[in-house]
C-alpha atoms as a PDB file:
ATOM      1  CA  UNK A   1     -12.397   4.919  -9.927  1.00  0.00           C
ATOM      2  CA  UNK A   2     -11.928   1.957  -7.520  1.00  0.00           C
ATOM      3  CA  UNK A   3     -12.273  -1.318  -9.004  1.00  0.00           C
ATOM      4  CA  UNK A   4     -15.600  -2.369  -7.315  1.00  0.00           C
ATOM      5  CA  UNK A   5     -14.410  -5.787  -6.520  1.00  0.00           C
ATOM      6  CA  UNK A   6     -10.944  -4.638  -5.408  1.00  0.00           C
ATOM      7  CA  UNK A   7      -8.097  -7.268  -4.980  1.00  0.00           C
ATOM      8  CA  UNK A   8     -10.989 -10.009  -5.555  1.00  0.00           C
ATOM      9  CA  UNK A   9     -10.704  -9.178  -9.344  1.00  0.00           C
ATOM     10  CA  UNK A  10      -6.953  -8.863  -9.496  1.00  0.00           C
ATOM     11  CA  UNK A  11      -6.488 -12.269  -7.638  1.00  0.00           C
ATOM     12  CA  UNK A  12      -5.420 -14.284 -10.771  1.00  0.00           C
ATOM     13  CA  UNK A  13      -3.312 -11.699 -12.046  1.00  0.00           C
ATOM     14  CA  UNK A  14      -1.699 -11.139  -8.640  1.00  0.00           C
ATOM     15  CA  UNK A  15      -1.023 -14.963  -7.918  1.00  0.00           C
ATOM     16  CA  UNK A  16       1.157 -15.053 -11.690  1.00  0.00           C
ATOM     17  CA  UNK A  17       2.720 -12.020 -10.324  1.00  0.00           C
ATOM     18  CA  UNK A  18       4.022 -13.163  -6.935  1.00  0.00           C
ATOM     19  CA  UNK A  19       4.343 -17.185  -7.744  1.00  0.00           C
ATOM     20  CA  UNK A  20       5.986 -19.036  -5.184  1.00  0.00           C
ATOM     21  CA  UNK A  21       8.753 -16.636  -4.033  1.00  0.00           C
ATOM     22  CA  UNK A  22       7.336 -13.006  -4.452  1.00  0.00           C
ATOM     23  CA  UNK A  23       7.623 -10.445  -7.372  1.00  0.00           C
ATOM     24  CA  UNK A  24      10.890  -8.352  -7.658  1.00  0.00           C
ATOM     25  CA  UNK A  25      10.004  -5.954  -5.046  1.00  0.00           C
ATOM     26  CA  UNK A  26       8.768  -8.237  -2.617  1.00  0.00           C
ATOM     27  CA  UNK A  27      11.823 -10.882  -2.783  1.00  0.00           C
ATOM     28  CA  UNK A  28      14.515  -8.477  -3.119  1.00  0.00           C
ATOM     29  CA  UNK A  29      13.429  -5.400  -1.314  1.00  0.00           C
ATOM     30  CA  UNK A  30      10.927  -5.910   1.362  1.00  0.00           C
ATOM     31  CA  UNK A  31      10.780  -9.215   2.102  1.00  0.00           C
ATOM     32  CA  UNK A  32      14.210  -9.764   3.175  1.00  0.00           C
ATOM     33  CA  UNK A  33      13.991  -7.299   6.135  1.00  0.00           C
ATOM     34  CA  UNK A  34      10.260  -8.553   6.921  1.00  0.00           C
ATOM     35  CA  UNK A  35      11.557 -12.362   7.297  1.00  0.00           C
ATOM     36  CA  UNK A  36      14.633 -11.254   9.236  1.00  0.00           C
ATOM     37  CA  UNK A  37      12.448  -9.490  12.012  1.00  0.00           C
ATOM     38  CA  UNK A  38       9.821 -12.297  12.180  1.00  0.00           C
ATOM     39  CA  UNK A  39      13.208 -14.625  12.846  1.00  0.00           C
ATOM     40  CA  UNK A  40      12.974 -18.270  13.403  1.00  0.00           C
ATOM     41  CA  UNK A  41       9.246 -19.809  12.665  1.00  0.00           C
ATOM     42  CA  UNK A  42       9.530 -23.338  13.900  1.00  0.00           C
ATOM     43  CA  UNK A  43       6.865 -24.461  16.023  1.00  0.00           C
ATOM     44  CA  UNK A  44       5.669 -21.346  16.211  1.00  0.00           C
ATOM     45  CA  UNK A  45       1.685 -20.073  15.904  1.00  0.00           C
ATOM     46  CA  UNK A  46       2.090 -17.567  12.860  1.00  0.00           C
ATOM     47  CA  UNK A  47      -0.812 -15.217  11.284  1.00  0.00           C
ATOM     48  CA  UNK A  48      -0.434 -14.126   7.592  1.00  0.00           C
ATOM     49  CA  UNK A  49      -2.738 -11.274   7.666  1.00  0.00           C
ATOM     50  CA  UNK A  50      -3.611 -10.428   4.166  1.00  0.00           C
ATOM     51  CA  UNK A  51      -1.811 -13.646   2.719  1.00  0.00           C
ATOM     52  CA  UNK A  52      -2.752 -13.040  -0.972  1.00  0.00           C
ATOM     53  CA  UNK A  53      -1.592 -15.959  -2.830  1.00  0.00           C
ATOM     54  CA  UNK A  54      -0.043 -17.472   0.249  1.00  0.00           C
ATOM     55  CA  UNK A  55       3.645 -17.494  -0.976  1.00  0.00           C
ATOM     56  CA  UNK A  56       5.294 -16.471   2.693  1.00  0.00           C
ATOM     57  CA  UNK A  57       2.581 -18.594   4.456  1.00  0.00           C
ATOM     58  CA  UNK A  58       4.072 -21.638   2.398  1.00  0.00           C
ATOM     59  CA  UNK A  59       7.600 -20.644   3.301  1.00  0.00           C
ATOM     60  CA  UNK A  60       7.136 -20.607   6.974  1.00  0.00           C
ATOM     61  CA  UNK A  61       5.011 -23.714   6.935  1.00  0.00           C
ATOM     62  CA  UNK A  62       7.826 -25.328   5.596  1.00  0.00           C
ATOM     63  CA  UNK A  63       9.999 -24.314   8.117  1.00  0.00           C
ATOM     64  CA  UNK A  64       7.616 -26.128  10.202  1.00  0.00           C
ATOM     65  CA  UNK A  65       5.497 -23.113  11.568  1.00  0.00           C
ATOM     66  CA  UNK A  66       1.913 -23.538  12.493  1.00  0.00           C
ATOM     67  CA  UNK A  67       0.291 -21.276   9.904  1.00  0.00           C
ATOM     68  CA  UNK A  68      -3.229 -19.275   9.908  1.00  0.00           C
ATOM     69  CA  UNK A  69      -3.442 -17.338   6.474  1.00  0.00           C
ATOM     70  CA  UNK A  70      -6.287 -14.783   5.907  1.00  0.00           C
ATOM     71  CA  UNK A  71      -7.359 -12.814   3.213  1.00  0.00           C
ATOM     72  CA  UNK A  72     -10.505 -10.695   2.884  1.00  0.00           C
ATOM     73  CA  UNK A  73     -10.583 -12.291  -1.200  1.00  0.00           C
ATOM     74  CA  UNK A  74     -12.024 -15.400  -1.368  1.00  0.00           C
ATOM     75  CA  UNK A  75     -10.658 -15.780  -4.905  1.00  0.00           C
ATOM     76  CA  UNK A  76      -6.984 -14.990  -3.360  1.00  0.00           C
ATOM     77  CA  UNK A  77      -7.459 -17.575  -0.463  1.00  0.00           C
ATOM     78  CA  UNK A  78      -8.820 -20.083  -3.548  1.00  0.00           C
ATOM     79  CA  UNK A  79      -5.509 -19.344  -5.758  1.00  0.00           C
ATOM     80  CA  UNK A  80      -3.371 -19.788  -2.544  1.00  0.00           C
ATOM     81  CA  UNK A  81      -4.715 -23.233  -1.816  1.00  0.00           C
ATOM     82  CA  UNK A  82      -3.852 -24.505  -5.548  1.00  0.00           C
ATOM     83  CA  UNK A  83      -0.303 -24.397  -4.747  1.00  0.00           C
ATOM     84  CA  UNK A  84      -0.784 -26.959  -2.277  1.00  0.00           C
ATOM     85  CA  UNK A  85      -4.177 -28.539  -3.062  1.00  0.00           C
ATOM     86  CA  UNK A  86      -3.829 -31.427  -0.606  1.00  0.00           C
ATOM     87  CA  UNK A  87      -2.662 -28.985   2.026  1.00  0.00           C
ATOM     88  CA  UNK A  88       0.391 -31.017   2.898  1.00  0.00           C
ATOM     89  CA  UNK A  89       1.592 -27.959   4.775  1.00  0.00           C
ATOM     90  CA  UNK A  90      -1.323 -28.183   7.101  1.00  0.00           C
ATOM     91  CA  UNK A  91      -2.164 -24.267   6.272  1.00  0.00           C
ATOM     92  CA  UNK A  92      -5.306 -23.138   7.906  1.00  0.00           C
ATOM     93  CA  UNK A  93      -6.827 -20.740   5.398  1.00  0.00           C
ATOM     94  CA  UNK A  94      -9.717 -18.255   6.078  1.00  0.00           C
ATOM     95  CA  UNK A  95     -11.600 -15.665   4.444  1.00  0.00           C
ATOM     96  CA  UNK A  96     -12.176 -12.629   6.808  1.00  0.00           C
ATOM     97  CA  UNK A  97     -11.890  -9.111   7.225  1.00  0.00           C
ATOM     98  CA  UNK A  98      -8.604  -7.867   9.200  1.00  0.00           C
ATOM     99  CA  UNK A  99     -10.913  -5.807  11.655  1.00  0.00           C
ATOM    100  CA  UNK A 100     -13.168  -8.511  12.419  1.00  0.00           C
ATOM    101  CA  UNK A 101     -11.493 -11.770  13.452  1.00  0.00           C
ATOM    102  CA  UNK A 102     -13.822 -12.960  15.909  1.00  0.00           C
ATOM    103  CA  UNK A 103     -13.201 -16.644  14.494  1.00  0.00           C
ATOM    104  CA  UNK A 104     -10.059 -16.606  16.180  1.00  0.00           C
ATOM    105  CA  UNK A 105      -9.245 -17.031  19.797  1.00  0.00           C
ATOM    106  CA  UNK A 106      -7.743 -14.457  22.371  1.00  0.00           C
ATOM    107  CA  UNK A 107      -3.975 -14.840  22.699  1.00  0.00           C
ATOM    108  CA  UNK A 108      -3.434 -17.509  20.110  1.00  0.00           C
ATOM    109  CA  UNK A 109      -0.436 -16.521  17.998  1.00  0.00           C
ATOM    110  CA  UNK A 110       3.209 -15.878  18.839  1.00  0.00           C
ATOM    111  CA  UNK A 111       3.717 -13.898  15.544  1.00  0.00           C
ATOM    112  CA  UNK A 112       1.230 -11.692  13.409  1.00  0.00           C
ATOM    113  CA  UNK A 113       2.945 -10.335  10.257  1.00  0.00           C
ATOM    114  CA  UNK A 114       0.937  -8.280   7.564  1.00  0.00           C
ATOM    115  CA  UNK A 115       3.152  -7.798   4.382  1.00  0.00           C
ATOM    116  CA  UNK A 116       2.043  -4.561   2.532  1.00  0.00           C
ATOM    117  CA  UNK A 117      -1.449  -4.835   3.503  1.00  0.00           C
ATOM    118  CA  UNK A 118      -2.225  -2.394   6.558  1.00  0.00           C
ATOM    119  CA  UNK A 119      -2.058   0.733   4.102  1.00  0.00           C
ATOM    120  CA  UNK A 120      -4.872  -0.794   1.884  1.00  0.00           C
ATOM    121  CA  UNK A 121      -7.184  -1.879   4.861  1.00  0.00           C
ATOM    122  CA  UNK A 122      -9.718   0.835   5.403  1.00  0.00           C
ATOM    123  CA  UNK A 123     -10.294  -0.038   9.295  1.00  0.00           C
ATOM    124  CA  UNK A 124      -6.561  -0.353  10.108  1.00  0.00           C
ATOM    125  CA  UNK A 125      -7.135   0.600  13.428  1.00  0.00           C
ATOM    126  CA  UNK A 126      -9.647  -2.223  13.999  1.00  0.00           C
ATOM    127  CA  UNK A 127      -7.177  -4.380  12.512  1.00  0.00           C
ATOM    128  CA  UNK A 128      -4.520  -3.394  15.009  1.00  0.00           C
ATOM    129  CA  UNK A 129      -6.841  -4.000  17.693  1.00  0.00           C
ATOM    130  CA  UNK A 130      -7.562  -7.449  16.499  1.00  0.00           C
ATOM    131  CA  UNK A 131      -3.735  -8.109  15.998  1.00  0.00           C
ATOM    132  CA  UNK A 132      -3.414  -7.090  19.788  1.00  0.00           C
ATOM    133  CA  UNK A 133      -6.218  -9.286  20.824  1.00  0.00           C
ATOM    134  CA  UNK A 134      -5.079 -12.416  19.077  1.00  0.00           C
ATOM    135  CA  UNK A 135      -1.331 -11.867  19.953  1.00  0.00           C
ATOM    136  CA  UNK A 136       0.115 -13.812  22.829  1.00  0.00           C
ATOM    137  CA  UNK A 137       1.729 -11.861  25.583  1.00  0.00           C
ATOM    138  CA  UNK A 138       5.163 -10.964  24.480  1.00  0.00           C
ATOM    139  CA  UNK A 139       3.907 -12.059  20.924  1.00  0.00           C
ATOM    140  CA  UNK A 140       5.114  -9.989  17.990  1.00  0.00           C
ATOM    141  CA  UNK A 141       3.437  -7.965  15.294  1.00  0.00           C
ATOM    142  CA  UNK A 142       5.562  -7.341  11.873  1.00  0.00           C
ATOM    143  CA  UNK A 143       4.347  -5.130   9.119  1.00  0.00           C
ATOM    144  CA  UNK A 144       5.768  -3.736   6.120  1.00  0.00           C
ATOM    145  CA  UNK A 145       4.007  -1.097   4.563  1.00  0.00           C
ATOM    146  CA  UNK A 146       4.408   2.014   1.876  1.00  0.00           C
ATOM    147  CA  UNK A 147       6.530   4.568   3.954  1.00  0.00           C
ATOM    148  CA  UNK A 148       4.285   6.772   5.098  1.00  0.00           C
ATOM    149  CA  UNK A 149       7.039   9.691   5.191  1.00  0.00           C
ATOM    150  CA  UNK A 150       7.964   9.345   1.489  1.00  0.00           C
ATOM    151  CA  UNK A 151       5.504   7.287  -0.423  1.00  0.00           C
ATOM    152  CA  UNK A 152       2.245   9.230  -0.257  1.00  0.00           C
ATOM    153  CA  UNK A 153       0.710   8.267  -3.953  1.00  0.00           C
ATOM    154  CA  UNK A 154      -0.114  11.145  -6.160  1.00  0.00           C
ATOM    155  CA  UNK A 155       1.191  13.577  -3.336  1.00  0.00           C
ATOM    156  CA  UNK A 156       4.557  12.351  -3.802  1.00  0.00           C
ATOM    157  CA  UNK A 157       7.102  11.820  -6.743  1.00  0.00           C
ATOM    158  CA  UNK A 158      10.870  11.584  -7.646  1.00  0.00           C
ATOM    159  CA  UNK A 159      12.764  14.311  -8.781  1.00  0.00           C
ATOM    160  CA  UNK A 160      15.711  14.037 -10.723  1.00  0.00           C
ATOM    161  CA  UNK A 161      18.376  16.747 -11.041  1.00  0.00           C
ATOM    162  CA  UNK A 162      21.024  16.572 -13.737  1.00  0.00           C
ATOM    163  CA  UNK A 163      24.095  18.378 -14.214  1.00  0.00           C
ATOM    164  CA  UNK A 164      27.072  17.901 -17.001  1.00  0.00           C
ATOM    165  CA  UNK A 165      28.761  15.995 -14.356  1.00  0.00           C
ATOM    166  CA  UNK A 166      26.352  14.318 -12.042  1.00  0.00           C
ATOM    167  CA  UNK A 167      22.812  13.803 -11.045  1.00  0.00           C
ATOM    168  CA  UNK A 168      21.026  13.868  -7.740  1.00  0.00           C
ATOM    169  CA  UNK A 169      17.746  12.250  -6.780  1.00  0.00           C
ATOM    170  CA  UNK A 170      15.119  13.844  -4.343  1.00  0.00           C
ATOM    171  CA  UNK A 171      11.840  12.776  -3.213  1.00  0.00           C
ATOM    172  CA  UNK A 172       8.888  15.552  -3.324  1.00  0.00           C
ATOM    173  CA  UNK A 173       5.903  15.034  -0.764  1.00  0.00           C
ATOM    174  CA  UNK A 174       3.155  17.246   0.585  1.00  0.00           C
ATOM    175  CA  UNK A 175       0.121  16.691   2.332  1.00  0.00           C
ATOM    176  CA  UNK A 176       1.959  14.221   4.747  1.00  0.00           C
ATOM    177  CA  UNK A 177      -0.087  14.824   7.886  1.00  0.00           C
ATOM    178  CA  UNK A 178      -3.613  14.285   6.416  1.00  0.00           C
ATOM    179  CA  UNK A 179      -5.399  11.121   6.451  1.00  0.00           C
ATOM    180  CA  UNK A 180      -6.264  10.534   3.026  1.00  0.00           C
ATOM    181  CA  UNK A 181      -7.077   7.871   0.477  1.00  0.00           C
ATOM    182  CA  UNK A 182      -6.770   7.283  -3.384  1.00  0.00           C
ATOM    183  CA  UNK A 183      -7.312   4.747  -5.908  1.00  0.00           C
ATOM    184  CA  UNK A 184      -4.041   3.228  -7.342  1.00  0.00           C
ATOM    185  CA  UNK A 185      -3.807   1.726 -10.883  1.00  0.00           C
ATOM    186  CA  UNK A 186      -2.249  -1.816 -11.667  1.00  0.00           C
ATOM    187  CA  UNK A 187      -1.473  -2.714 -15.545  1.00  0.00           C
ATOM    188  CA  UNK A 188      -2.968  -6.187 -15.833  1.00  0.00           C
ATOM    189  CA  UNK A 189      -2.350  -6.584 -19.604  1.00  0.00           C
ATOM    190  CA  UNK A 190      -0.980  -4.382 -22.416  1.00  0.00           C
ATOM    191  CA  UNK A 191      -4.340  -2.352 -22.598  1.00  0.00           C
ATOM    192  CA  UNK A 192      -6.222  -3.245 -19.304  1.00  0.00           C
ATOM    193  CA  UNK A 193      -5.842  -1.356 -15.789  1.00  0.00           C
ATOM    194  CA  UNK A 194      -7.453  -2.062 -12.371  1.00  0.00           C
ATOM    195  CA  UNK A 195      -7.801  -0.222  -9.326  1.00  0.00           C
ATOM    196  CA  UNK A 196      -7.554  -0.677  -5.690  1.00  0.00           C
ATOM    197  CA  UNK A 197      -8.009   1.998  -2.745  1.00  0.00           C
ATOM    198  CA  UNK A 198      -4.892   2.468  -0.421  1.00  0.00           C
ATOM    199  CA  UNK A 199      -4.875   4.717   2.800  1.00  0.00           C
ATOM    200  CA  UNK A 200      -2.140   7.392   3.907  1.00  0.00           C
ATOM    201  CA  UNK A 201      -2.055   7.615   7.482  1.00  0.00           C
ATOM    202  CA  UNK A 202       1.404   9.768   8.954  1.00  0.00           C
ATOM    203  CA  UNK A 203       3.679   7.891  11.065  1.00  0.00           C
ATOM    204  CA  UNK A 204       2.601   9.251  14.278  1.00  0.00           C
ATOM    205  CA  UNK A 205      -0.668   7.625  13.599  1.00  0.00           C
ATOM    206  CA  UNK A 206       0.601   4.212  13.462  1.00  0.00           C
ATOM    207  CA  UNK A 207       2.527   4.874  16.581  1.00  0.00           C
ATOM    208  CA  UNK A 208      -0.443   6.312  18.500  1.00  0.00           C
ATOM    209  CA  UNK A 209      -2.680   3.136  17.158  1.00  0.00           C
ATOM    210  CA  UNK A 210      -0.184   0.652  18.168  1.00  0.00           C
ATOM    211  CA  UNK A 211       0.443   2.040  21.475  1.00  0.00           C
ATOM    212  CA  UNK A 212      -3.286   2.457  22.106  1.00  0.00           C
ATOM    213  CA  UNK A 213      -3.564  -1.307  21.757  1.00  0.00           C
ATOM    214  CA  UNK A 214      -0.666  -2.223  24.022  1.00  0.00           C
ATOM    215  CA  UNK A 215       2.045  -2.835  21.296  1.00  0.00           C
ATOM    216  CA  UNK A 216       5.445  -1.224  21.784  1.00  0.00           C
ATOM    217  CA  UNK A 217       7.561  -0.524  18.852  1.00  0.00           C
ATOM    218  CA  UNK A 218      10.947  -2.285  19.087  1.00  0.00           C
ATOM    219  CA  UNK A 219      12.150  -1.995  15.508  1.00  0.00           C
ATOM    220  CA  UNK A 220      11.993   0.246  12.462  1.00  0.00           C
ATOM    221  CA  UNK A 221      13.505  -0.936   9.363  1.00  0.00           C
ATOM    222  CA  UNK A 222      13.701   0.886   6.005  1.00  0.00           C
ATOM    223  CA  UNK A 223      14.673  -1.867   3.418  1.00  0.00           C
ATOM    224  CA  UNK A 224      17.697  -1.304   1.590  1.00  0.00           C
ATOM    225  CA  UNK A 225      17.865  -2.396  -2.269  1.00  0.00           C
ATOM    226  CA  UNK A 226      19.506  -6.002  -2.712  1.00  0.00           C
ATOM    227  CA  UNK A 227      21.935  -6.696  -5.838  1.00  0.00           C
ATOM    228  CA  UNK A 228      18.902  -8.128  -7.546  1.00  0.00           C
ATOM    229  CA  UNK A 229      16.680  -5.002  -7.121  1.00  0.00           C
ATOM    230  CA  UNK A 230      19.674  -2.725  -8.138  1.00  0.00           C
ATOM    231  CA  UNK A 231      20.310  -4.719 -11.220  1.00  0.00           C
ATOM    232  CA  UNK A 232      16.927  -5.414 -12.361  1.00  0.00           C
ATOM    233  CA  UNK A 233      15.059  -2.429 -11.101  1.00  0.00           C
ATOM    234  CA  UNK A 234      15.929   1.003 -13.061  1.00  0.00           C
ATOM    235  CA  UNK A 235      14.784   3.104 -10.207  1.00  0.00           C
ATOM    236  CA  UNK A 236      16.820   0.822  -7.933  1.00  0.00           C
ATOM    237  CA  UNK A 237      19.913   3.033  -7.218  1.00  0.00           C
ATOM    238  CA  UNK A 238      17.384   5.817  -6.033  1.00  0.00           C
ATOM    239  CA  UNK A 239      16.435   3.542  -3.196  1.00  0.00           C
ATOM    240  CA  UNK A 240      19.875   3.968  -1.706  1.00  0.00           C
ATOM    241  CA  UNK A 241      19.201   7.395  -0.953  1.00  0.00           C
ATOM    242  CA  UNK A 242      15.452   7.330  -0.094  1.00  0.00           C
ATOM    243  CA  UNK A 243      13.256   4.713   1.051  1.00  0.00           C
ATOM    244  CA  UNK A 244       9.666   3.890   0.042  1.00  0.00           C
ATOM    245  CA  UNK A 245       8.944   1.168   2.474  1.00  0.00           C
ATOM    246  CA  UNK A 246       9.131   0.684   6.263  1.00  0.00           C
ATOM    247  CA  UNK A 247       8.818  -2.407   8.134  1.00  0.00           C
ATOM    248  CA  UNK A 248       7.657  -2.239  11.702  1.00  0.00           C
ATOM    249  CA  UNK A 249       8.040  -4.683  14.535  1.00  0.00           C
ATOM    250  CA  UNK A 250       5.873  -4.349  17.834  1.00  0.00           C
ATOM    251  CA  UNK A 251       5.702  -6.108  20.933  1.00  0.00           C
ATOM    252  CA  UNK A 252       2.736  -6.901  22.893  1.00  0.00           C
ATOM    253  CA  UNK A 253       3.111  -5.837  26.613  1.00  0.00           C
END
């Protein structure tokens, strides 16, 4: 059953989990590719769409980017602000829904990024429409997400085949073409679980919607595990065979 408060009720736990550099999966698997595609942020107007506790917003602000950070959870925004209580970094924090950014002007941002948030947004089509609206001409949208081809919640799983001399890892997936949603569990303490809702959409859906709103895909990256990830994550070596994340870079035409 979905947590009625969604990410709002997870904000304190999530803030501890991410800290100032992201948890293991973010800092050592997903973020390096996302940051590389975003590129130089100095003096650029950047929108962090679904900022969580804002650790990437702070990173780019320290590089002298002009950062706006938005999250649908007021509690997430409150925790993000706690990391810089006097707002010395000058980040503009806003509570808002990704599909309704009417408080932001057209053609404002050089870069919009969404780090592992698109698949959590019910109205992702509306969110992409708004991204296209607030981007400047030739602005870029960079989004990381669960890989639609290989990570479809309970409809996907690892298969490990062992023999005397070797082992082979496979990824099993079904219902890839179907738009669907499910509630995902998060273990917030030894005896407590919370749930948030996630949405599966095939890769063709993302391509079609991005194109519909004038965003041309110019890069598709599948993050490779870093040395830290391979060392600390038990399943790390499996990611050398099958990626569970995708990073998309799209240009506003």
